[in-house]
Protein backbone atom coordinates (compact mmCIF):
# COMPACT_ATOMS: atom_id res chain seq x y z
CA UNK A 1 0.00 0.00 0.00
CA UNK A 2 1.28 3.46 -0.89
CA UNK A 3 2.18 6.05 1.70
CA UNK A 4 -0.65 8.31 0.61
CA UNK A 5 -3.21 5.54 0.94
CA UNK A 6 -1.87 4.69 4.42
CA UNK A 7 -2.17 8.36 5.40
CA UNK A 8 -5.73 8.51 4.04
CA UNK A 9 -6.69 5.41 6.06
CA UNK A 10 -5.12 6.83 9.24
CA UNK A 11 -6.90 10.16 8.75
CA UNK A 12 -10.18 8.35 8.07
CA UNK A 13 -9.84 6.51 11.38
CA UNK A 14 -9.12 9.80 13.17
CA UNK A 15 -12.13 11.45 11.50
CA UNK A 16 -14.36 8.56 12.55
CA UNK A 17 -13.19 8.86 16.16
CA UNK A 18 -13.72 12.63 16.06
CA UNK A 19 -17.13 12.14 14.42
CA UNK A 20 -16.16 14.56 11.64
CA UNK A 21 -18.77 13.69 8.99
CA UNK A 22 -17.33 15.88 6.21
CA UNK A 23 -13.78 14.50 6.43
CA UNK A 24 -15.05 10.94 6.93
CA UNK A 25 -17.30 11.05 3.86
CA UNK A 26 -14.65 12.73 1.70
CA UNK A 27 -11.89 10.28 2.64
CA UNK A 28 -14.19 7.31 2.11
CA UNK A 29 -15.03 8.67 -1.34
CA UNK A 30 -11.39 9.09 -2.37
CA UNK A 31 -10.38 5.71 -0.92
CA UNK A 32 -13.19 4.12 -2.92
CA UNK A 33 -11.92 5.84 -6.08
CA UNK A 34 -8.41 4.51 -5.37
CA UNK A 35 -9.79 1.02 -4.75
CA UNK A 36 -11.79 1.12 -7.98
CA UNK A 37 -8.67 2.12 -9.89
CA UNK A 38 -6.70 -0.73 -8.30
CA UNK A 39 -9.16 -3.35 -9.53
CA UNK A 40 -9.85 -1.75 -12.93
CA UNK A 41 -8.58 -3.68 -15.90
CA UNK A 42 -7.90 -7.36 -16.30
CA UNK A 43 -5.82 -7.79 -13.17
CA UNK A 44 -5.84 -6.11 -9.76
CA UNK A 45 -2.69 -4.15 -8.97
CA UNK A 46 -1.24 -1.85 -6.35
CA UNK A 47 -1.02 1.79 -7.36
CA UNK A 48 2.10 3.89 -7.02
CA UNK A 49 2.08 7.03 -4.89
CA UNK A 50 2.00 9.16 -8.06
CA UNK A 51 -1.06 7.31 -9.36
CA UNK A 52 -2.78 7.73 -5.99
CA UNK A 53 -1.93 11.43 -6.05
CA UNK A 54 -3.45 11.79 -9.52
CA UNK A 55 -6.67 10.20 -8.27
CA UNK A 56 -6.86 12.60 -5.32
CA UNK A 57 -6.27 15.54 -7.71
CA UNK A 58 -8.92 14.23 -10.10
CA UNK A 59 -11.46 13.89 -7.27
CA UNK A 60 -10.65 17.43 -6.10
CA UNK A 61 -11.22 18.73 -9.62
CA UNK A 62 -14.58 16.94 -9.74
CA UNK A 63 -15.59 18.67 -6.51
CA UNK A 64 -14.58 22.09 -7.84
CA UNK A 65 -16.51 21.56 -11.09
CA UNK A 66 -19.57 20.30 -9.21
CA UNK A 67 -19.44 23.35 -6.95
CA UNK A 68 -19.43 25.62 -10.00
CA UNK A 69 -22.43 23.78 -11.43
CA UNK A 70 -24.35 23.95 -8.14
CA UNK A 71 -23.48 27.62 -7.80
CA UNK A 72 -24.73 28.33 -11.32
CA UNK A 73 -27.91 26.38 -10.52
CA UNK A 74 -28.53 28.34 -7.34
CA UNK A 75 -27.86 25.49 -4.89
CA UNK A 76 -25.48 27.39 -2.61
CA UNK A 77 -25.53 24.86 0.23
CA UNK A 78 -24.52 22.01 -2.09
CA UNK A 79 -21.84 24.19 -3.70
CA UNK A 80 -20.40 24.97 -0.27
CA UNK A 81 -20.34 21.25 0.60
CA UNK A 82 -18.44 20.45 -2.61
CA UNK A 83 -15.92 23.21 -1.91
CA UNK A 84 -15.47 21.94 1.64
CA UNK A 85 -14.76 18.44 0.28
CA UNK A 86 -12.26 19.91 -2.18
CA UNK A 87 -10.53 21.69 0.72
CA UNK A 88 -10.18 18.36 2.55
CA UNK A 89 -8.60 16.77 -0.55
CA UNK A 90 -6.27 19.74 -1.13
CA UNK A 91 -4.45 18.89 2.11
CA UNK A 92 -3.14 15.72 0.44
CA UNK A 93 -1.87 17.41 -2.72
CA UNK A 94 1.51 19.09 -3.20
CA UNK A 95 1.44 22.88 -3.20
CA UNK A 96 0.42 24.36 -6.53
CA UNK A 97 2.90 26.23 -8.70
CA UNK A 98 2.51 29.98 -9.00
CA UNK A 99 2.06 31.50 -12.45
CA UNK A 100 5.65 32.77 -12.39
CA UNK A 101 7.07 29.34 -11.49
CA UNK A 102 4.98 27.68 -14.19
CA UNK A 103 6.09 30.25 -16.77
CA UNK A 104 9.75 29.69 -15.86
CA UNK A 105 9.42 25.90 -16.28
CA UNK A 106 7.65 26.35 -19.62
CA UNK A 107 10.23 28.87 -20.86
CA UNK A 108 13.06 26.48 -19.98
CA UNK A 109 11.29 23.64 -21.79
CA UNK A 110 10.74 25.79 -24.90
CA UNK A 111 14.43 26.71 -24.90
CA UNK A 112 15.45 23.07 -24.37
CA UNK A 113 13.30 21.71 -27.21
CA UNK A 114 13.79 24.65 -29.56
CA UNK A 115 10.08 24.48 -30.36
CA UNK A 116 8.30 27.37 -32.01
CA UNK A 117 4.70 27.76 -33.05
CA UNK A 118 1.68 25.65 -32.12
CA UNK A 119 3.11 22.51 -33.78
CA UNK A 120 5.80 22.33 -31.06
CA UNK A 121 3.26 22.12 -28.22
CA UNK A 122 3.50 18.32 -27.90
CA UNK A 123 7.29 18.41 -27.60
CA UNK A 124 7.17 21.05 -24.89
CA UNK A 125 4.40 19.28 -22.99
CA UNK A 126 6.48 16.06 -22.92
CA UNK A 127 9.30 17.96 -21.21
CA UNK A 128 7.07 20.01 -18.88
CA UNK A 129 4.68 17.32 -17.57
CA UNK A 130 7.25 15.29 -15.57
CA UNK A 131 8.50 18.50 -13.92
CA UNK A 132 4.98 19.63 -12.99
CA UNK A 133 3.91 16.27 -11.49
CA UNK A 134 0.53 17.24 -10.04
CA UNK A 135 1.53 20.74 -9.01
CA UNK A 136 -0.57 22.39 -11.75
CA UNK A 137 -3.69 21.37 -13.66
CA UNK A 138 -3.30 20.26 -17.25
CA UNK A 139 -5.42 23.06 -18.67
CA UNK A 140 -3.34 25.65 -16.90
CA UNK A 141 -0.11 24.06 -18.17
CA UNK A 142 -1.44 23.85 -21.73
CA UNK A 143 -2.44 27.53 -21.64
CA UNK A 144 1.05 28.53 -20.42
CA UNK A 145 2.72 26.44 -23.15
CA UNK A 146 0.43 27.87 -25.81
CA UNK A 147 1.16 31.42 -24.65
CA UNK A 148 4.92 30.75 -24.69
CA UNK A 149 4.81 29.34 -28.24
CA UNK A 150 2.82 32.19 -29.79
């Protein structure tokens, strides 16, 4: 079992003892998502810490998007719940890169690959993605790369 999954289990136990319904429900949800991913496919497998981190990030993004939808639909209480769940999940993610840090990584990758124009986006993304490793959302990275190549 990965370190992140162990930490999630330990925090779930603590939340159950503290009778913290929000944290308990959120951690159960993310542990279920991790378990589903482990048994997906032809053969069950143990996920790496990076794969577990991606699942936590994906679940956090789902909560943020759901909150936006609830907010647009006028369901403020449900939107607040989704944002609270996202806040719980954010504690398990690495700190996000600032715009300046992201721009510096992208600029270095553009210089390294020598890419120019939109056709070089794939080359730059291949260099940037391992350096980002969950510290920035894909859409944000793609926008920064696109801006650097134009």
